[in-house]
C-alpha atoms as a PDB file:
ATOM      1  CA  MET A   1      91.357  86.386  86.737  1.00  0.00           C
ATOM      2  CA  TYR A   2      91.207  84.024  89.698  1.00  0.00           C
ATOM      3  CA  GLU A   3      88.558  81.931  91.409  1.00  0.00           C
ATOM      4  CA  VAL A   4      87.516  83.233  94.853  1.00  0.00           C
ATOM      5  CA  ILE A   5      87.463  80.219  97.189  1.00  0.00           C
ATOM      6  CA  GLU A   6      86.944  82.063 100.493  1.00  0.00           C
ATOM      7  CA  THR A   7      84.893  85.228 101.008  1.00  0.00           C
ATOM      8  CA  PHE A   8      87.031  88.250 101.914  1.00  0.00           C
ATOM      9  CA  ILE A   9      87.152  92.044 101.794  1.00  0.00           C
ATOM     10  CA  GLU A  10      89.980  93.409  99.636  1.00  0.00           C
ATOM     11  CA  LYS A  11      91.500  96.431 101.331  1.00  0.00           C
ATOM     12  CA  ASN A  12      93.276  97.392  98.092  1.00  0.00           C
ATOM     13  CA  HIS A  13      89.987  97.556  96.139  1.00  0.00           C
ATOM     14  CA  GLU A  14      88.065 100.119  98.198  1.00  0.00           C
ATOM     15  CA  ASN A  15      86.980  97.360 100.621  1.00  0.00           C
ATOM     16  CA  PHE A  16      85.213  95.408  97.875  1.00  0.00           C
ATOM     17  CA  LYS A  17      83.704  92.199  99.283  1.00  0.00           C
ATOM     18  CA  TYR A  18      84.633  89.181  97.166  1.00  0.00           C
ATOM     19  CA  ILE A  19      82.185  86.336  97.738  1.00  0.00           C
ATOM     20  CA  ALA A  20      83.297  82.748  97.174  1.00  0.00           C
ATOM     21  CA  GLY A  21      81.552  81.182  94.194  1.00  0.00           C
ATOM     22  CA  LYS A  22      80.097  84.514  93.077  1.00  0.00           C
ATOM     23  CA  HIS A  23      83.035  86.748  92.168  1.00  0.00           C
ATOM     24  CA  THR A  24      86.320  86.392  90.352  1.00  0.00           C
ATOM     25  CA  TYR A  25      89.426  88.357  91.306  1.00  0.00           C
ATOM     26  CA  PRO A  26      90.079  91.096  90.437  1.00  0.00           C
ATOM     27  CA  ALA A  27      86.598  92.524  89.894  1.00  0.00           C
ATOM     28  CA  ASP A  28      85.843  94.701  86.883  1.00  0.00           C
ATOM     29  CA  GLY A  29      87.511  98.082  87.248  1.00  0.00           C
ATOM     30  CA  TYR A  30      90.234  96.845  89.608  1.00  0.00           C
ATOM     31  CA  LYS A  31      93.781  95.635  89.022  1.00  0.00           C
ATOM     32  CA  SER A  32      96.073  93.530  91.144  1.00  0.00           C
ATOM     33  CA  THR A  33      99.735  92.629  91.290  1.00  0.00           C
ATOM     34  CA  LYS A  34     101.265  89.166  91.076  1.00  0.00           C
ATOM     35  CA  LYS A  35     102.585  89.717  94.614  1.00  0.00           C
ATOM     36  CA  ARG A  36      99.072  90.365  95.965  1.00  0.00           C
ATOM     37  CA  VAL A  37      97.647  87.358  94.122  1.00  0.00           C
ATOM     38  CA  THR A  38     100.394  85.174  95.625  1.00  0.00           C
ATOM     39  CA  GLU A  39      99.559  86.495  99.117  1.00  0.00           C
ATOM     40  CA  LEU A  40      95.868  85.729  98.626  1.00  0.00           C
ATOM     41  CA  GLN A  41      96.545  82.252  97.214  1.00  0.00           C
ATOM     42  CA  GLY A  42      98.804  81.233 100.071  1.00  0.00           C
ATOM     43  CA  ASN A  43      98.448  80.825 103.796  1.00  0.00           C
ATOM     44  CA  LYS A  44     101.099  83.378 104.773  1.00  0.00           C
ATOM     45  CA  ASN A  45      98.560  86.092 105.485  1.00  0.00           C
ATOM     46  CA  LYS A  46      96.872  87.420 108.619  1.00  0.00           C
ATOM     47  CA  TYR A  47      94.194  84.703 108.491  1.00  0.00           C
ATOM     48  CA  LYS A  48      96.530  81.807 107.600  1.00  0.00           C
ATOM     49  CA  ARG A  49      94.346  80.515 104.754  1.00  0.00           C
ATOM     50  CA  PRO A  50      94.047  80.975 100.985  1.00  0.00           C
ATOM     51  CA  PHE A  51      91.325  83.171  99.516  1.00  0.00           C
ATOM     52  CA  LEU A  52      92.026  82.639  95.820  1.00  0.00           C
ATOM     53  CA  GLY A  53      92.233  79.481  93.760  1.00  0.00           C
ATOM     54  CA  GLU A  54      93.861  78.870  90.419  1.00  0.00           C
ATOM     55  CA  GLU A  55      93.915  81.346  87.577  1.00  0.00           C
ATOM     56  CA  ILE A  56      90.902  81.105  85.280  1.00  0.00           C
ATOM     57  CA  LYS A  57      91.960  81.231  81.653  1.00  0.00           C
ATOM     58  CA  ALA A  58      89.711  82.990  79.147  1.00  0.00           C
ATOM     59  CA  SER A  59      89.012  79.638  77.457  1.00  0.00           C
ATOM     60  CA  ASP A  60      87.942  78.104  80.820  1.00  0.00           C
ATOM     61  CA  LYS A  61      85.322  80.735  81.616  1.00  0.00           C
ATOM     62  CA  LYS A  62      81.752  79.659  80.925  1.00  0.00           C
END
């Protein structure tokens, strides 16, 4: 799972709204591909900014 650093609506998850600081990606019940994660972590998308931060390891989650 990944930290959401910028609020966005994920078109591939039935337009689920991921809110920065509130949600992790992907939300329960949804899956994602490494390619999609890379797109959302980078700035080579329509909005030219990253939406996801680093991967959160199970041991890091509070």
